[in-house]
Amino acid sequence: MSFISTIKGSELDILRKIVKKVNFKHHPKEFVTDYEADKLIDSLAPATVARLLRVGRDSGIADK
């Protein structure tokens, strides 16, 4: 069972936005897909994902 399947849908959407905006900003547009973002999120530790969610909400990235 993958870690990403334990994340709620709304939180996954926020994480995808953050990963696409921050981690993939220098990648070609064809590479920036939900599938690629999910692969990166799945490779992160749960504590890192929790921190990304908190920072994303606090900084307003999730609202954009």
C-alpha atoms as a PDB file:
ATOM      1  CA  MET A   1       0.000   0.000   0.000  1.00  0.00           C
ATOM      2  CA  SER A   2       1.409   3.325  -0.987  1.00  0.00           C
ATOM      3  CA  PHE A   3       1.579   6.294   1.359  1.00  0.00           C
ATOM      4  CA  ILE A   4      -0.309   8.517  -1.062  1.00  0.00           C
ATOM      5  CA  SER A   5      -3.470   6.410  -0.695  1.00  0.00           C
ATOM      6  CA  THR A   6      -3.727   7.473   2.961  1.00  0.00           C
ATOM      7  CA  ILE A   7      -3.939  11.197   2.114  1.00  0.00           C
ATOM      8  CA  LYS A   8      -7.354  12.866   1.827  1.00  0.00           C
ATOM      9  CA  GLY A   9      -8.385  14.153  -1.597  1.00  0.00           C
ATOM     10  CA  SER A  10      -8.383  17.821  -0.618  1.00  0.00           C
ATOM     11  CA  GLU A  11      -4.933  17.491   0.947  1.00  0.00           C
ATOM     12  CA  LEU A  12      -3.643  15.703  -2.140  1.00  0.00           C
ATOM     13  CA  ASP A  13      -4.847  18.570  -4.329  1.00  0.00           C
ATOM     14  CA  ILE A  14      -2.989  21.053  -2.119  1.00  0.00           C
ATOM     15  CA  LEU A  15       0.169  18.936  -2.191  1.00  0.00           C
ATOM     16  CA  ARG A  16      -0.002  18.641  -5.980  1.00  0.00           C
ATOM     17  CA  LYS A  17      -0.244  22.432  -6.334  1.00  0.00           C
ATOM     18  CA  ILE A  18       2.732  22.930  -4.031  1.00  0.00           C
ATOM     19  CA  VAL A  19       4.892  20.303  -5.728  1.00  0.00           C
ATOM     20  CA  LYS A  20       4.061  21.593  -9.208  1.00  0.00           C
ATOM     21  CA  LYS A  21       4.755  25.198  -8.247  1.00  0.00           C
ATOM     22  CA  VAL A  22       7.893  24.675  -6.151  1.00  0.00           C
ATOM     23  CA  ASN A  23       9.575  21.428  -7.162  1.00  0.00           C
ATOM     24  CA  PHE A  24       8.733  21.370 -10.864  1.00  0.00           C
ATOM     25  CA  LYS A  25       9.106  25.056 -11.736  1.00  0.00           C
ATOM     26  CA  HIS A  26      12.154  24.412 -13.941  1.00  0.00           C
ATOM     27  CA  HIS A  27      10.789  21.323 -15.667  1.00  0.00           C
ATOM     28  CA  PRO A  28       9.119  21.301 -19.081  1.00  0.00           C
ATOM     29  CA  LYS A  29       5.342  21.713 -19.030  1.00  0.00           C
ATOM     30  CA  GLU A  30       4.865  18.190 -20.451  1.00  0.00           C
ATOM     31  CA  PHE A  31       6.535  16.776 -17.347  1.00  0.00           C
ATOM     32  CA  VAL A  32       4.376  18.644 -14.836  1.00  0.00           C
ATOM     33  CA  THR A  33       1.477  16.212 -14.457  1.00  0.00           C
ATOM     34  CA  ASP A  34      -0.520  14.902 -11.520  1.00  0.00           C
ATOM     35  CA  TYR A  35       1.128  11.515 -12.012  1.00  0.00           C
ATOM     36  CA  GLU A  36       4.642  12.962 -11.675  1.00  0.00           C
ATOM     37  CA  ALA A  37       3.592  15.056  -8.668  1.00  0.00           C
ATOM     38  CA  ASP A  38       2.083  11.956  -7.045  1.00  0.00           C
ATOM     39  CA  LYS A  39       5.321  10.043  -7.570  1.00  0.00           C
ATOM     40  CA  LEU A  40       7.285  12.790  -5.808  1.00  0.00           C
ATOM     41  CA  ILE A  41       4.764  13.051  -2.957  1.00  0.00           C
ATOM     42  CA  ASP A  42       4.839   9.281  -2.503  1.00  0.00           C
ATOM     43  CA  SER A  43       8.631   9.365  -2.146  1.00  0.00           C
ATOM     44  CA  LEU A  44       8.499  11.875   0.729  1.00  0.00           C
ATOM     45  CA  ALA A  45       8.367  10.949   4.402  1.00  0.00           C
ATOM     46  CA  PRO A  46       5.021  11.479   6.171  1.00  0.00           C
ATOM     47  CA  ALA A  47       6.548  14.187   8.386  1.00  0.00           C
ATOM     48  CA  THR A  48       7.730  16.063   5.291  1.00  0.00           C
ATOM     49  CA  VAL A  49       4.281  15.832   3.727  1.00  0.00           C
ATOM     50  CA  ALA A  50       2.695  17.205   6.903  1.00  0.00           C
ATOM     51  CA  ARG A  51       5.157  20.105   6.882  1.00  0.00           C
ATOM     52  CA  LEU A  52       4.481  20.810   3.176  1.00  0.00           C
ATOM     53  CA  LEU A  53       0.743  20.936   3.871  1.00  0.00           C
ATOM     54  CA  ARG A  54       1.198  23.304   6.796  1.00  0.00           C
ATOM     55  CA  VAL A  55       3.543  25.630   4.914  1.00  0.00           C
ATOM     56  CA  GLY A  56       1.340  25.542   1.811  1.00  0.00           C
ATOM     57  CA  ARG A  57      -1.732  26.538   3.785  1.00  0.00           C
ATOM     58  CA  ASP A  58       0.079  29.203   5.819  1.00  0.00           C
ATOM     59  CA  SER A  59       1.760  30.800   2.795  1.00  0.00           C
ATOM     60  CA  GLY A  60      -1.379  30.812   0.684  1.00  0.00           C
ATOM     61  CA  ILE A  61      -0.055  28.565  -2.098  1.00  0.00           C
ATOM     62  CA  ALA A  62      -3.029  26.265  -1.546  1.00  0.00           C
ATOM     63  CA  ASP A  63      -5.470  29.107  -2.272  1.00  0.00           C
ATOM     64  CA  LYS A  64      -4.033  30.008  -5.671  1.00  0.00           C
END
